[in-house]
Each structure stands twice: as structure tokens, then as C-alpha cells.
């Protein structure tokens, strides 16, 4: 089933819309997600085909190399600083939308936890979810 995901930043300067069925819905406990979110993990809905993404407003991005050495681009609002999504140079067909930026985050139903090996002791997410020490095998 294909859904339309809409959302934006905290101040409203950035708005986006993306249709598609999720490839994955997950909590990531890698150190970069901890730093970016300001807590123990970040939560994402991962979708295919970036080319049909509609964005209103001027995003800024900053690149960072992941554990694999591959670069990912974190898109955020230059006014309020809210993160809205992440794209990946090694997988340009994918986009990971920050669940907190969704208009309706209740549509998020996580199926896994990635980088659980880096979890903070106080950050317990999704008991019963499939958990991977790093990224799940391709």
C-alpha cells in the first residue's frame, strides 16, 4: 500500500511530501543519530525513489561519512535547525525521513533497531523489535 508522507520543520519554513510504501521503519542507535537527535536514537521511515520528493523551502545539508565510509547527507532547516531527512550517496534511490518531522508521526510502526551495539544503557527502544548490532545484511 502506498501512502503520502507529509511533514516539515518545526518553524514551517520547510515542507515536504513523499508518496510510497515504506521499505523500512526503524530506530537507529548509532552515535551520529544520537548526536543529531540529542537523545539515544533517531527514528526513520525509509522510502524508495527520491525523485518524486516534493520540497518547499530552502533546505541545507551537511555531509557525514558513516561507518562504511559512505557519505550521507543530513537535510535540515537553516532557520530552526530541525532535521527532516537523510539521503545516501551509495543508495541515491533511498530517503530516510525523520519521524519527528512527519505531520502524523502516529503512522510510524518500527520494525527494527539498527546499531544496537552502540545503544546507551538508558535508551531502551522497541522491546521485541528485531535488533541488529550494526546495519542489517543487504
N, C-alpha and C. Protein backbone atom coordinates (compact mmCIF):
# COMPACT_ATOMS: atom_id res chain seq x y z
N UNK A 1 0.84 -1.18 0.00
CA UNK A 1 0.00 0.00 0.00
C UNK A 1 0.89 1.24 0.00
N UNK A 2 0.55 2.20 -0.81
CA UNK A 2 1.32 3.42 -0.92
C UNK A 2 0.64 4.53 -0.12
N UNK A 3 1.43 5.23 0.65
CA UNK A 3 0.90 6.31 1.46
C UNK A 3 1.57 7.60 1.04
N UNK A 4 0.98 8.72 1.40
CA UNK A 4 1.62 10.02 1.20
C UNK A 4 2.14 10.47 2.56
N UNK A 5 3.43 10.72 2.62
CA UNK A 5 4.05 11.22 3.84
C UNK A 5 4.26 12.71 3.67
N UNK A 6 3.73 13.48 4.61
CA UNK A 6 3.91 14.93 4.58
C UNK A 6 4.49 15.37 5.90
N UNK A 7 5.22 16.46 5.85
CA UNK A 7 5.81 16.97 7.07
C UNK A 7 6.65 18.19 6.81
N UNK A 8 7.47 18.53 7.79
CA UNK A 8 8.32 19.70 7.66
C UNK A 8 9.07 19.96 8.94
N UNK A 9 9.69 21.11 8.96
CA UNK A 9 10.50 21.51 10.12
C UNK A 9 9.62 22.14 11.20
N UNK A 10 10.22 22.44 12.32
CA UNK A 10 9.48 22.99 13.46
C UNK A 10 8.92 24.38 13.19
N UNK A 11 9.62 25.21 12.41
CA UNK A 11 9.16 26.58 12.18
C UNK A 11 8.26 26.72 10.97
N UNK A 12 8.15 25.67 10.15
CA UNK A 12 7.26 25.70 8.99
C UNK A 12 7.90 26.22 7.71
N UNK A 13 9.17 26.59 7.75
CA UNK A 13 9.85 27.10 6.55
C UNK A 13 10.09 26.01 5.51
N UNK A 14 10.19 24.77 5.98
CA UNK A 14 10.39 23.62 5.09
C UNK A 14 9.16 22.74 5.17
N UNK A 15 8.66 22.36 4.00
CA UNK A 15 7.56 21.40 3.89
C UNK A 15 7.95 20.37 2.86
N UNK A 16 7.54 19.12 3.06
CA UNK A 16 7.83 18.08 2.07
C UNK A 16 6.63 17.15 1.93
N UNK A 17 6.65 16.45 0.81
CA UNK A 17 5.64 15.43 0.54
C UNK A 17 6.33 14.31 -0.23
N UNK A 18 6.06 13.09 0.16
CA UNK A 18 6.67 11.93 -0.48
C UNK A 18 5.67 10.79 -0.45
N UNK A 19 5.36 10.24 -1.61
CA UNK A 19 4.46 9.09 -1.68
C UNK A 19 5.29 7.82 -1.75
N UNK A 20 4.72 6.75 -1.29
CA UNK A 20 5.40 5.46 -1.41
C UNK A 20 5.14 4.58 -0.22
N UNK A 21 5.41 3.32 -0.43
CA UNK A 21 5.31 2.34 0.64
C UNK A 21 6.67 2.27 1.33
N UNK A 22 6.69 2.23 2.64
CA UNK A 22 7.98 2.17 3.35
C UNK A 22 8.77 0.92 3.02
N UNK A 23 10.08 1.10 2.85
CA UNK A 23 11.00 -0.03 2.73
C UNK A 23 11.29 -0.56 4.12
N UNK A 24 11.41 0.38 5.06
CA UNK A 24 11.71 0.03 6.45
C UNK A 24 11.23 1.15 7.35
N UNK A 25 11.01 0.81 8.60
CA UNK A 25 10.71 1.78 9.65
C UNK A 25 11.55 1.35 10.84
N UNK A 26 12.41 2.23 11.32
CA UNK A 26 13.40 1.78 12.28
C UNK A 26 13.84 2.86 13.26
N UNK A 27 14.43 2.40 14.34
CA UNK A 27 15.14 3.25 15.29
C UNK A 27 16.62 2.98 15.05
N UNK A 28 17.43 4.02 14.94
CA UNK A 28 18.87 3.87 14.77
C UNK A 28 19.58 4.41 16.00
N UNK A 29 20.44 3.60 16.59
CA UNK A 29 21.15 3.99 17.80
C UNK A 29 22.63 4.27 17.54
N UNK A 30 22.99 4.56 16.28
CA UNK A 30 24.39 4.90 16.00
C UNK A 30 24.73 6.23 16.68
N UNK A 31 26.00 6.45 16.86
CA UNK A 31 26.44 7.66 17.57
C UNK A 31 26.04 8.93 16.83
N UNK A 32 26.08 8.91 15.50
CA UNK A 32 25.68 10.10 14.74
C UNK A 32 24.20 10.42 14.95
N UNK A 33 23.36 9.41 14.99
CA UNK A 33 21.93 9.66 15.24
C UNK A 33 21.71 10.16 16.66
N UNK A 34 22.49 9.66 17.60
CA UNK A 34 22.40 10.17 18.98
C UNK A 34 22.75 11.65 19.02
N UNK A 35 23.83 12.01 18.35
CA UNK A 35 24.27 13.41 18.36
C UNK A 35 23.26 14.31 17.65
N UNK A 36 22.76 13.85 16.50
CA UNK A 36 21.83 14.67 15.72
C UNK A 36 20.50 14.85 16.43
N UNK A 37 20.03 13.78 17.10
CA UNK A 37 18.72 13.86 17.75
C UNK A 37 18.78 14.46 19.14
N UNK A 38 19.97 14.44 19.75
CA UNK A 38 20.09 14.94 21.12
C UNK A 38 19.57 13.96 22.15
N UNK A 39 19.40 12.71 21.75
CA UNK A 39 18.94 11.67 22.67
C UNK A 39 19.60 10.35 22.28
N UNK A 40 19.01 9.22 22.62
CA UNK A 40 19.66 7.94 22.43
C UNK A 40 19.51 7.31 21.06
N UNK A 41 18.63 7.82 20.22
CA UNK A 41 18.42 7.24 18.90
C UNK A 41 17.65 8.22 18.02
N UNK A 42 17.56 7.91 16.76
CA UNK A 42 16.69 8.63 15.82
C UNK A 42 15.77 7.60 15.18
N UNK A 43 14.60 8.03 14.80
CA UNK A 43 13.60 7.14 14.20
C UNK A 43 13.32 7.58 12.77
N UNK A 44 13.24 6.62 11.87
CA UNK A 44 13.10 6.91 10.44
C UNK A 44 12.07 6.03 9.76
N UNK A 45 11.44 6.61 8.74
CA UNK A 45 10.68 5.87 7.74
C UNK A 45 11.53 5.94 6.48
N UNK A 46 11.92 4.79 5.95
CA UNK A 46 12.78 4.73 4.78
C UNK A 46 11.92 4.43 3.56
N UNK A 47 12.06 5.29 2.54
CA UNK A 47 11.26 5.18 1.33
C UNK A 47 12.17 5.10 0.11
N UNK A 48 11.61 4.61 -0.98
CA UNK A 48 12.34 4.47 -2.24
C UNK A 48 12.05 5.65 -3.17
N UNK A 49 12.90 5.83 -4.15
CA UNK A 49 12.74 6.81 -5.24
C UNK A 49 12.65 8.25 -4.76
N UNK A 50 13.77 8.85 -4.53
CA UNK A 50 13.84 10.25 -4.11
C UNK A 50 13.27 11.20 -5.14
N UNK A 51 13.25 10.80 -6.42
CA UNK A 51 12.89 11.73 -7.48
C UNK A 51 11.47 12.26 -7.40
N UNK A 52 10.58 11.60 -6.67
CA UNK A 52 9.23 12.14 -6.55
C UNK A 52 9.01 12.89 -5.24
N UNK A 53 10.10 13.21 -4.56
CA UNK A 53 10.03 14.01 -3.34
C UNK A 53 9.75 15.47 -3.71
N UNK A 54 8.76 16.05 -3.08
CA UNK A 54 8.44 17.47 -3.28
C UNK A 54 8.86 18.21 -2.02
N UNK A 55 9.71 19.22 -2.17
CA UNK A 55 10.17 20.02 -1.04
C UNK A 55 9.87 21.48 -1.33
N UNK A 56 9.25 22.15 -0.37
CA UNK A 56 9.02 23.60 -0.44
C UNK A 56 9.88 24.25 0.63
N UNK A 57 10.63 25.27 0.25
CA UNK A 57 11.54 25.92 1.17
C UNK A 57 12.97 25.57 0.83
N UNK A 58 13.88 26.28 1.41
CA UNK A 58 15.30 26.09 1.12
C UNK A 58 15.97 25.26 2.21
N UNK A 59 16.23 24.00 1.89
CA UNK A 59 16.94 23.11 2.81
C UNK A 59 18.42 23.42 2.80
N UNK A 60 19.08 23.05 3.87
CA UNK A 60 20.53 22.97 3.87
C UNK A 60 20.88 21.53 4.17
N UNK A 61 22.05 21.10 3.74
CA UNK A 61 22.50 19.75 4.03
C UNK A 61 23.94 19.81 4.54
N UNK A 62 24.28 18.81 5.30
CA UNK A 62 25.67 18.63 5.70
C UNK A 62 26.01 17.16 5.55
N UNK A 63 27.17 16.90 4.93
CA UNK A 63 27.57 15.52 4.70
C UNK A 63 28.34 14.95 5.88
N UNK A 64 28.21 13.65 6.06
CA UNK A 64 28.98 12.94 7.08
C UNK A 64 29.21 11.52 6.58
N UNK A 65 30.39 10.99 6.84
CA UNK A 65 30.69 9.62 6.45
C UNK A 65 30.19 8.67 7.53
N UNK A 66 29.48 7.63 7.10
CA UNK A 66 29.02 6.61 8.02
C UNK A 66 30.14 5.62 8.31
N UNK A 67 29.84 4.60 9.09
CA UNK A 67 30.83 3.59 9.44
C UNK A 67 31.44 2.92 8.20
N UNK A 68 30.64 2.80 7.15
CA UNK A 68 31.11 2.14 5.92
C UNK A 68 32.05 3.03 5.13
N UNK A 69 32.09 4.32 5.49
CA UNK A 69 32.86 5.28 4.71
C UNK A 69 32.00 5.98 3.68
N UNK A 70 30.78 5.46 3.45
CA UNK A 70 29.86 6.09 2.51
C UNK A 70 29.29 7.37 3.11
N UNK A 71 29.10 8.35 2.25
CA UNK A 71 28.61 9.66 2.70
C UNK A 71 27.09 9.70 2.70
N UNK A 72 26.55 10.25 3.77
CA UNK A 72 25.12 10.51 3.84
C UNK A 72 24.95 12.01 4.02
N UNK A 73 23.83 12.54 3.52
CA UNK A 73 23.56 13.97 3.60
C UNK A 73 22.36 14.20 4.50
N UNK A 74 22.57 14.96 5.55
CA UNK A 74 21.52 15.28 6.50
C UNK A 74 20.88 16.59 6.08
N UNK A 75 19.59 16.55 5.77
CA UNK A 75 18.86 17.74 5.33
C UNK A 75 18.15 18.35 6.52
N UNK A 76 18.27 19.68 6.65
CA UNK A 76 17.70 20.37 7.80
C UNK A 76 17.27 21.77 7.40
N UNK A 77 16.47 22.38 8.26
CA UNK A 77 16.02 23.76 8.06
C UNK A 77 17.10 24.72 8.56
N UNK A 78 17.54 25.66 7.72
CA UNK A 78 18.56 26.60 8.16
C UNK A 78 18.05 27.64 9.16
N UNK A 79 16.75 27.73 9.33
CA UNK A 79 16.18 28.70 10.27
C UNK A 79 16.06 28.10 11.67
N UNK A 80 15.35 26.97 11.78
CA UNK A 80 15.13 26.38 13.11
C UNK A 80 16.07 25.22 13.42
N UNK A 81 16.76 24.70 12.42
CA UNK A 81 17.71 23.62 12.64
C UNK A 81 17.11 22.23 12.67
N UNK A 82 15.81 22.11 12.48
CA UNK A 82 15.16 20.79 12.53
C UNK A 82 15.65 19.89 11.41
N UNK A 83 16.01 18.65 11.76
CA UNK A 83 16.34 17.65 10.76
C UNK A 83 15.07 17.13 10.12
N UNK A 84 15.09 16.96 8.80
CA UNK A 84 13.90 16.45 8.13
C UNK A 84 14.12 15.12 7.43
N UNK A 85 15.27 14.92 6.80
CA UNK A 85 15.55 13.62 6.20
C UNK A 85 17.04 13.44 5.94
N UNK A 86 17.39 12.20 5.59
CA UNK A 86 18.77 11.83 5.28
C UNK A 86 18.76 11.13 3.93
N UNK A 87 19.75 11.46 3.07
CA UNK A 87 19.94 10.76 1.80
C UNK A 87 21.34 10.14 1.80
N UNK A 88 21.54 9.21 0.90
CA UNK A 88 22.75 8.40 0.91
C UNK A 88 23.39 8.37 -0.47
N UNK A 89 24.67 8.75 -0.57
CA UNK A 89 25.36 8.72 -1.85
C UNK A 89 25.42 7.31 -2.42
N UNK A 90 25.63 6.31 -1.58
CA UNK A 90 25.74 4.93 -2.04
C UNK A 90 24.39 4.33 -2.44
N UNK A 91 23.30 4.93 -2.00
CA UNK A 91 21.95 4.45 -2.31
C UNK A 91 21.08 5.65 -2.66
N UNK A 92 21.33 6.30 -3.80
CA UNK A 92 20.60 7.54 -4.13
C UNK A 92 19.11 7.36 -4.32
N UNK A 93 18.66 6.12 -4.45
CA UNK A 93 17.23 5.87 -4.63
C UNK A 93 16.47 5.85 -3.30
N UNK A 94 17.19 5.99 -2.19
CA UNK A 94 16.54 5.91 -0.88
C UNK A 94 16.57 7.24 -0.14
N UNK A 95 15.56 7.44 0.69
CA UNK A 95 15.48 8.60 1.58
C UNK A 95 14.96 8.11 2.93
N UNK A 96 15.56 8.59 4.00
CA UNK A 96 15.13 8.24 5.36
C UNK A 96 14.55 9.50 6.00
N UNK A 97 13.25 9.51 6.20
CA UNK A 97 12.56 10.66 6.76
C UNK A 97 12.55 10.56 8.28
N UNK A 98 12.95 11.66 8.94
CA UNK A 98 12.89 11.71 10.40
C UNK A 98 11.43 11.69 10.83
N UNK A 99 11.08 10.70 11.64
CA UNK A 99 9.69 10.53 12.06
C UNK A 99 9.15 11.77 12.77
N UNK A 100 9.99 12.43 13.56
CA UNK A 100 9.55 13.64 14.26
C UNK A 100 9.15 14.78 13.35
N UNK A 101 9.57 14.72 12.08
CA UNK A 101 9.22 15.78 11.14
C UNK A 101 7.90 15.51 10.42
N UNK A 102 7.34 14.32 10.59
CA UNK A 102 6.08 13.97 9.93
C UNK A 102 4.91 14.74 10.54
N UNK A 103 3.95 15.10 9.70
CA UNK A 103 2.72 15.72 10.21
C UNK A 103 1.97 14.75 11.11
N UNK A 104 2.01 13.48 10.76
CA UNK A 104 1.32 12.45 11.55
C UNK A 104 2.31 11.36 11.93
N UNK A 105 3.10 11.57 12.98
CA UNK A 105 4.07 10.54 13.36
C UNK A 105 3.43 9.26 13.89
N UNK A 106 2.11 9.26 14.12
CA UNK A 106 1.46 8.04 14.60
C UNK A 106 1.43 6.96 13.51
N UNK A 107 1.75 7.32 12.27
CA UNK A 107 1.79 6.32 11.19
C UNK A 107 3.05 5.47 11.27
N UNK A 108 3.98 5.83 12.14
CA UNK A 108 5.25 5.12 12.28
C UNK A 108 5.05 3.83 13.07
N UNK A 109 5.45 2.72 12.46
CA UNK A 109 5.38 1.41 13.10
C UNK A 109 6.74 0.74 12.91
N UNK A 110 7.66 0.95 13.86
CA UNK A 110 9.02 0.44 13.68
C UNK A 110 9.07 -1.08 13.60
N UNK A 111 10.00 -1.55 12.77
CA UNK A 111 10.18 -2.98 12.62
C UNK A 111 11.53 -3.47 13.08
N UNK A 112 12.46 -2.52 13.35
CA UNK A 112 13.80 -2.94 13.74
C UNK A 112 14.55 -1.82 14.45
N UNK A 113 15.65 -2.23 15.06
CA UNK A 113 16.60 -1.31 15.68
C UNK A 113 17.95 -1.58 15.03
N UNK A 114 18.59 -0.52 14.50
CA UNK A 114 19.91 -0.67 13.92
C UNK A 114 20.96 -0.05 14.85
N UNK A 115 22.18 -0.52 14.72
CA UNK A 115 23.31 -0.09 15.54
C UNK A 115 23.03 -0.23 17.04
N UNK A 116 22.35 -1.32 17.38
CA UNK A 116 22.04 -1.60 18.78
C UNK A 116 23.30 -1.77 19.62
N UNK A 117 24.42 -2.11 18.98
CA UNK A 117 25.68 -2.26 19.71
C UNK A 117 26.15 -0.93 20.29
N UNK A 118 25.62 0.16 19.78
CA UNK A 118 26.00 1.48 20.27
C UNK A 118 24.94 2.11 21.17
N UNK A 119 23.95 1.34 21.54
CA UNK A 119 22.86 1.86 22.36
C UNK A 119 23.38 2.35 23.71
N UNK A 120 22.82 3.44 24.16
CA UNK A 120 23.10 3.91 25.51
C UNK A 120 22.28 3.05 26.48
N UNK A 121 22.84 2.78 27.61
CA UNK A 121 22.19 1.90 28.59
C UNK A 121 20.79 2.40 28.95
N UNK A 122 20.60 3.69 28.97
CA UNK A 122 19.32 4.28 29.38
C UNK A 122 18.32 4.40 28.22
N UNK A 123 18.72 4.04 27.00
CA UNK A 123 17.83 4.18 25.84
C UNK A 123 17.32 2.81 25.40
N UNK A 124 16.21 2.41 25.95
CA UNK A 124 15.60 1.13 25.62
C UNK A 124 14.42 1.37 24.68
N UNK A 125 14.59 0.98 23.43
CA UNK A 125 13.51 1.17 22.46
C UNK A 125 13.02 -0.17 21.94
N UNK A 126 11.76 -0.22 21.67
CA UNK A 126 11.16 -1.34 20.98
C UNK A 126 11.46 -2.73 21.48
N UNK A 127 11.12 -3.04 22.73
CA UNK A 127 11.29 -4.42 23.15
C UNK A 127 10.54 -5.34 22.18
N UNK A 128 11.21 -6.38 21.76
CA UNK A 128 10.58 -7.30 20.82
C UNK A 128 10.87 -6.98 19.36
N UNK A 129 11.45 -5.81 19.09
CA UNK A 129 11.81 -5.49 17.71
C UNK A 129 13.06 -6.27 17.31
N UNK A 130 13.15 -6.59 16.02
CA UNK A 130 14.36 -7.20 15.51
C UNK A 130 15.49 -6.21 15.70
N UNK A 131 16.59 -6.68 16.28
CA UNK A 131 17.69 -5.79 16.63
C UNK A 131 18.97 -6.24 15.92
N UNK A 132 19.67 -5.27 15.34
CA UNK A 132 20.92 -5.54 14.64
C UNK A 132 22.05 -4.78 15.31
N UNK A 133 23.19 -5.42 15.52
CA UNK A 133 24.33 -4.76 16.16
C UNK A 133 24.79 -3.57 15.33
N UNK A 134 24.74 -3.72 13.99
CA UNK A 134 25.07 -2.62 13.08
C UNK A 134 23.93 -2.50 12.08
N UNK A 135 24.24 -2.43 10.79
CA UNK A 135 23.20 -2.41 9.77
C UNK A 135 22.80 -3.84 9.46
N UNK A 136 21.54 -4.07 9.12
CA UNK A 136 21.14 -5.44 8.75
C UNK A 136 21.80 -5.83 7.43
N UNK A 137 21.99 -7.10 7.20
CA UNK A 137 22.57 -7.53 5.92
C UNK A 137 21.68 -7.13 4.76
N UNK A 138 22.31 -6.72 3.66
CA UNK A 138 21.61 -6.24 2.46
C UNK A 138 20.68 -7.23 1.90
